[in-house]
Amino acid sequence: MAYEVRLDSDECVSAGKCVASAPGFFVFDDDEIGTIDHDSSRPADDALLRIARQCPSGAIKLFADGVEVEL
């Protein structure tokens, strides 16, 4: 199963944990807000789950078959 990953830029607090954990896939935009580069190499599902759980603001959401995964 491959999670669908969404990052809510309105909830992002720019802590940078995602960018440090998966550089290239998670990046900062010009305003230093986290975003996803879908053209970059995607982390494995277990890594995405760990990264989403570590997001201090809860901005990273994972979905499986359209249903949000409880973190």
C-alpha atoms as a PDB file:
ATOM      1  CA  MET A   1       0.000   0.000   0.000  1.00  0.00           C
ATOM      2  CA  ALA A   2       1.301   3.458  -0.819  1.00  0.00           C
ATOM      3  CA  TYR A   3       0.104   6.281   1.372  1.00  0.00           C
ATOM      4  CA  GLU A   4      -1.183   9.457  -0.190  1.00  0.00           C
ATOM      5  CA  VAL A   5       0.711  12.300   1.483  1.00  0.00           C
ATOM      6  CA  ARG A   6      -0.669  15.782   2.031  1.00  0.00           C
ATOM      7  CA  LEU A   7       0.967  18.698   3.801  1.00  0.00           C
ATOM      8  CA  ASP A   8      -1.300  21.493   5.021  1.00  0.00           C
ATOM      9  CA  SER A   9       0.782  24.639   4.590  1.00  0.00           C
ATOM     10  CA  ASP A  10      -1.642  26.576   6.816  1.00  0.00           C
ATOM     11  CA  GLU A  11      -0.766  24.262   9.724  1.00  0.00           C
ATOM     12  CA  CYS A  12       2.993  24.112   9.056  1.00  0.00           C
ATOM     13  CA  VAL A  13       5.174  25.819  11.696  1.00  0.00           C
ATOM     14  CA  SER A  14       8.437  25.415   9.734  1.00  0.00           C
ATOM     15  CA  ALA A  15      10.067  23.141  12.297  1.00  0.00           C
ATOM     16  CA  GLY A  16      11.960  21.411   9.488  1.00  0.00           C
ATOM     17  CA  LYS A  17      11.808  17.862  10.825  1.00  0.00           C
ATOM     18  CA  CYS A  18      10.260  16.614   7.598  1.00  0.00           C
ATOM     19  CA  VAL A  19      12.827  18.415   5.451  1.00  0.00           C
ATOM     20  CA  ALA A  20      15.661  16.965   7.539  1.00  0.00           C
ATOM     21  CA  SER A  21      14.166  13.456   7.440  1.00  0.00           C
ATOM     22  CA  ALA A  22      13.344  13.328   3.730  1.00  0.00           C
ATOM     23  CA  PRO A  23      15.234  16.114   1.940  1.00  0.00           C
ATOM     24  CA  GLY A  24      14.088  16.584  -1.615  1.00  0.00           C
ATOM     25  CA  PHE A  25      10.622  15.158  -1.027  1.00  0.00           C
ATOM     26  CA  PHE A  26       9.801  17.614   1.742  1.00  0.00           C
ATOM     27  CA  VAL A  27      11.178  21.074   0.965  1.00  0.00           C
ATOM     28  CA  PHE A  28      10.712  24.645   2.126  1.00  0.00           C
ATOM     29  CA  ASP A  29       9.045  27.133  -0.190  1.00  0.00           C
ATOM     30  CA  ASP A  30      10.176  30.766  -0.493  1.00  0.00           C
ATOM     31  CA  ASP A  31       8.337  31.603   2.739  1.00  0.00           C
ATOM     32  CA  GLU A  32      10.059  28.749   4.641  1.00  0.00           C
ATOM     33  CA  ILE A  33       6.814  26.751   4.772  1.00  0.00           C
ATOM     34  CA  GLY A  34       7.023  23.010   4.197  1.00  0.00           C
ATOM     35  CA  THR A  35       5.762  21.610   0.943  1.00  0.00           C
ATOM     36  CA  ILE A  36       6.044  18.369  -1.044  1.00  0.00           C
ATOM     37  CA  ASP A  37       8.023  17.940  -4.247  1.00  0.00           C
ATOM     38  CA  HIS A  38       6.089  15.124  -5.891  1.00  0.00           C
ATOM     39  CA  ASP A  39       8.751  14.859  -8.609  1.00  0.00           C
ATOM     40  CA  SER A  40      11.339  13.849  -6.007  1.00  0.00           C
ATOM     41  CA  SER A  41      12.047  10.402  -4.641  1.00  0.00           C
ATOM     42  CA  ARG A  42       9.235   9.364  -2.290  1.00  0.00           C
ATOM     43  CA  PRO A  43      10.115   7.837   1.100  1.00  0.00           C
ATOM     44  CA  ALA A  44       8.816   4.378   1.968  1.00  0.00           C
ATOM     45  CA  ASP A  45       5.495   4.161   3.820  1.00  0.00           C
ATOM     46  CA  ASP A  46       7.125   3.295   7.159  1.00  0.00           C
ATOM     47  CA  ALA A  47       9.359   6.374   6.887  1.00  0.00           C
ATOM     48  CA  LEU A  48       6.387   8.571   5.943  1.00  0.00           C
ATOM     49  CA  LEU A  49       4.477   7.312   8.967  1.00  0.00           C
ATOM     50  CA  ARG A  50       7.408   8.127  11.261  1.00  0.00           C
ATOM     51  CA  ILE A  51       7.869  11.578   9.692  1.00  0.00           C
ATOM     52  CA  ALA A  52       4.154  12.406   9.947  1.00  0.00           C
ATOM     53  CA  ARG A  53       4.099  11.348  13.601  1.00  0.00           C
ATOM     54  CA  GLN A  54       7.076  13.624  14.320  1.00  0.00           C
ATOM     55  CA  CYS A  55       5.513  16.716  12.737  1.00  0.00           C
ATOM     56  CA  PRO A  56       4.953  19.077  15.689  1.00  0.00           C
ATOM     57  CA  SER A  57       2.004  20.851  14.085  1.00  0.00           C
ATOM     58  CA  GLY A  58       0.309  17.815  12.544  1.00  0.00           C
ATOM     59  CA  ALA A  59       0.535  19.402   9.104  1.00  0.00           C
ATOM     60  CA  ILE A  60       1.470  16.105   7.427  1.00  0.00           C
ATOM     61  CA  LYS A  61      -1.509  13.862   6.749  1.00  0.00           C
ATOM     62  CA  LEU A  62      -1.413  10.340   5.361  1.00  0.00           C
ATOM     63  CA  PHE A  63      -4.280   8.630   3.586  1.00  0.00           C
ATOM     64  CA  ALA A  64      -4.878   4.993   2.683  1.00  0.00           C
ATOM     65  CA  ASP A  65      -7.633   4.322   0.139  1.00  0.00           C
ATOM     66  CA  GLY A  66      -8.949   7.855   0.698  1.00  0.00           C
ATOM     67  CA  VAL A  67      -9.222   7.473   4.473  1.00  0.00           C
ATOM     68  CA  GLU A  68      -6.969   9.484   6.780  1.00  0.00           C
ATOM     69  CA  VAL A  69      -4.538   7.291   8.696  1.00  0.00           C
ATOM     70  CA  GLU A  70      -4.663   7.763  12.450  1.00  0.00           C
ATOM     71  CA  LEU A  71      -1.246   8.816  13.638  1.00  0.00           C
END
